[in-house]
Protein backbone atom coordinates (compact mmCIF):
# COMPACT_ATOMS: atom_id res chain seq x y z
CA MET A 1 -0.04 -0.19 -0.05
CA VAL A 2 1.36 3.19 -0.78
CA ASP A 3 0.05 6.53 1.00
CA ILE A 4 0.86 10.10 -0.94
CA ILE A 5 0.35 12.87 1.54
CA SER A 6 0.36 16.57 0.08
CA ASP A 7 1.07 19.29 2.63
CA LEU A 8 2.40 17.27 5.29
CA LEU A 9 3.69 20.06 7.48
CA PRO A 10 2.21 23.09 8.12
CA SER A 11 3.35 26.19 6.33
CA GLY A 12 5.47 27.53 9.11
CA HIS A 13 7.03 24.24 10.09
CA PHE A 14 7.65 23.57 6.23
CA ALA A 15 9.30 27.03 5.91
CA ASP A 16 11.64 26.09 8.68
CA ILE A 17 12.42 22.55 6.75
CA GLU A 18 12.44 24.48 3.33
CA GLN A 19 15.19 26.80 4.68
CA LEU A 20 17.66 23.93 6.63
CA PHE A 21 17.64 22.01 3.47
CA MET A 22 17.42 24.46 0.28
CA GLN A 23 20.20 27.15 2.03
CA HIS A 24 23.42 26.64 3.21
CA HIS A 25 23.05 25.65 6.78
CA LEU A 26 23.23 22.09 6.75
CA ALA A 27 26.69 19.85 5.83
CA TRP A 28 25.95 17.80 2.88
CA PHE A 29 28.36 14.48 2.59
CA PHE A 30 29.43 13.03 -0.87
CA SER A 31 28.69 9.43 -1.32
CA ASP A 32 30.13 7.90 -4.75
CA HIS A 33 27.07 5.43 -4.34
CA VAL A 34 23.30 5.77 -4.38
CA VAL A 35 22.31 2.20 -3.75
CA THR A 36 25.14 -0.38 -5.12
CA GLY A 37 27.49 -0.18 -7.74
CA GLY A 38 27.28 1.74 -11.07
CA LYS A 39 28.42 5.39 -11.31
CA HIS A 40 25.71 6.76 -9.28
CA PHE A 41 26.20 9.62 -6.36
CA MET A 42 24.53 11.91 -4.17
CA PHE A 43 25.16 13.95 -1.07
CA SER A 44 23.62 13.21 2.46
CA HIS A 45 23.13 14.24 6.14
CA VAL A 46 22.48 11.36 8.03
CA PHE A 47 20.15 12.68 11.11
CA MET A 48 19.46 9.25 13.16
CA ASP A 49 21.06 5.74 12.40
CA ASN A 50 19.77 2.43 14.13
CA GLY A 51 17.59 4.51 16.63
CA GLN A 52 20.32 7.16 17.68
CA VAL A 53 20.31 10.81 16.81
CA VAL A 54 23.49 11.60 14.97
CA ASN A 55 23.35 15.51 14.69
CA GLN A 56 21.23 16.86 17.51
CA ARG A 57 21.94 20.37 16.21
CA PHE A 58 19.86 19.77 12.95
CA PHE A 59 17.65 17.16 14.05
CA GLU A 60 14.73 19.50 15.72
CA PRO A 61 12.83 20.25 12.71
CA VAL A 62 13.26 16.99 11.43
CA ARG A 63 12.08 15.37 14.82
CA GLY A 64 9.20 17.47 14.45
CA MET A 65 7.88 15.87 11.56
CA ILE A 66 7.56 12.20 13.14
CA PRO A 67 4.37 13.27 14.89
CA GLU A 68 2.72 14.37 11.83
CA ILE A 69 3.88 11.22 9.88
CA MET A 70 2.53 9.31 12.68
CA LYS A 71 -1.19 10.91 12.23
CA ARG A 72 -0.83 9.34 8.67
CA ARG A 73 0.53 5.63 9.50
CA LYS A 74 1.33 4.04 12.98
CA PHE A 75 4.76 3.11 14.05
CA VAL A 76 6.54 2.38 17.08
CA GLY A 77 10.21 3.56 16.37
CA VAL A 78 12.25 5.09 13.81
CA SER A 79 15.45 3.35 12.98
CA ARG A 80 17.30 6.00 10.46
CA VAL A 81 16.75 9.37 9.15
CA ARG A 82 18.64 10.58 6.02
CA ALA A 83 18.58 13.74 3.86
CA VAL A 84 19.98 13.02 0.51
CA LEU A 85 20.54 15.84 -2.34
CA TYR A 86 20.75 14.71 -5.88
CA THR A 87 22.63 17.65 -8.11
CA ASN A 88 21.21 18.14 -11.67
CA GLN A 89 23.37 16.22 -14.00
CA GLY A 90 21.57 17.26 -17.21
CA LYS A 91 19.76 13.91 -17.78
CA GLU A 92 17.72 11.57 -15.80
CA VAL A 93 19.67 9.45 -13.93
CA VAL A 94 17.72 6.25 -12.78
CA HIS A 95 19.00 5.06 -9.93
CA PRO A 96 18.80 0.97 -9.14
CA THR A 97 15.94 -0.66 -7.62
CA HIS A 98 15.89 -1.43 -3.95
CA THR A 99 14.51 -2.22 -0.47
CA ASP A 100 15.92 -0.03 2.47
CA ILE A 101 15.52 -3.20 4.47
CA PRO A 102 17.07 -6.61 2.58
CA PRO A 103 13.86 -8.81 2.05
CA GLU A 104 15.75 -11.33 3.11
CA SER A 105 16.37 -9.79 6.76
CA GLU A 106 13.24 -11.33 9.47
CA LEU A 107 12.76 -7.59 10.00
CA ALA A 108 12.02 -6.49 6.71
CA PRO A 109 8.05 -7.16 6.81
CA LYS A 110 8.31 -4.54 10.10
CA PHE A 111 9.73 -1.42 8.09
CA ILE A 112 7.39 1.27 6.56
CA THR A 113 9.53 3.49 4.13
CA GLY A 114 9.04 7.03 3.83
CA VAL A 115 10.20 9.60 1.26
CA TYR A 116 9.45 13.08 2.03
CA HIS A 117 10.10 15.40 -0.76
CA VAL A 118 11.62 19.07 0.17
CA ASN A 119 11.42 20.58 -2.94
CA THR A 120 9.26 20.21 -6.29
CA CYS A 121 11.16 18.93 -9.40
CA ASN A 122 10.80 16.66 -12.48
CA GLY A 123 12.68 14.09 -10.30
CA LYS A 124 10.43 11.26 -8.92
CA THR A 125 10.16 8.11 -6.74
CA VAL A 126 9.16 4.88 -8.69
CA ILE A 127 7.02 2.26 -6.29
CA GLY A 128 6.35 -0.91 -8.38
CA ASP A 129 4.68 0.64 -11.81
CA GLN A 130 3.47 3.70 -9.83
CA GLU A 131 5.72 7.21 -10.42
CA ILE A 132 5.29 9.67 -8.36
CA PRO A 133 6.86 13.37 -8.83
CA SER A 134 8.78 15.22 -6.35
CA LYS A 135 6.36 17.76 -4.89
CA ALA A 136 7.26 20.02 -1.94
CA ASN A 137 5.96 19.27 1.21
CA GLN A 138 4.59 16.03 0.10
CA LEU A 139 5.28 12.65 1.97
CA ILE A 140 5.23 8.75 0.23
CA LEU A 141 4.72 6.16 2.86
CA PHE A 142 5.13 2.55 1.88
CA ASN A 143 6.03 -0.81 3.16
CA ASN A 144 9.62 -2.11 2.64
CA GLU A 145 9.23 -2.65 -1.12
CA PRO A 146 11.15 -2.36 -4.06
CA HIS A 147 11.66 1.25 -5.21
CA PHE A 148 14.12 3.64 -6.63
CA GLY A 149 14.34 7.36 -7.60
CA THR A 150 15.69 9.48 -10.51
CA THR A 151 17.57 12.66 -10.81
CA GLN A 152 16.11 16.01 -11.84
CA THR A 153 16.72 18.17 -15.03
CA ASP A 154 14.68 21.33 -13.89
CA THR A 155 16.17 22.61 -10.94
CA ASP A 156 19.90 22.62 -9.48
CA THR A 157 18.98 19.70 -6.61
CA ARG A 158 16.49 17.71 -5.63
CA VAL A 159 16.17 16.86 -2.11
CA VAL A 160 14.50 14.31 -0.17
CA ILE A 161 14.17 12.92 3.44
CA ASN A 162 13.98 9.11 3.77
CA PHE A 163 12.68 7.51 7.05
CA ASN A 164 12.60 3.96 7.81
CA LEU A 165 10.12 3.45 10.43
CA ILE A 166 9.41 0.42 12.79
CA ALA A 167 5.83 -0.63 12.33
CA GLU A 168 3.69 -1.90 15.14
């Protein structure tokens, strides 16, 4: 089941998120891969990993998103929160299909994936045969199933926040 929630955050909270991610406040870290292999790259910033906050300073606006997400889908914990920034490469780059939690893991069925679009662009998230365009302040929630993203060609950057949530 794929849920698409437009206008997840109230305008003031969204303005804080937009300012944090789209201006020069946040440090981005280069990764020479998006999932595995290939010549894909991205920049990321990890806020939480294995249920532990990594960067308290910038986590507060992101932490405030969690109650809003919980209104849409129940979960008991947050495993990882990571922001990803893709640069405009002059063409659409289709990243490899993957699941956030390996399907062979006994924990895989207990996870929900959330993809929050910080900005509007022609990049997209694809789950099965459903292509979902990046629209600012939009959240996609789905069970831990195969999906992929693409880069954009109409803006300098595409920014998403990925949530790995532990289901009840």
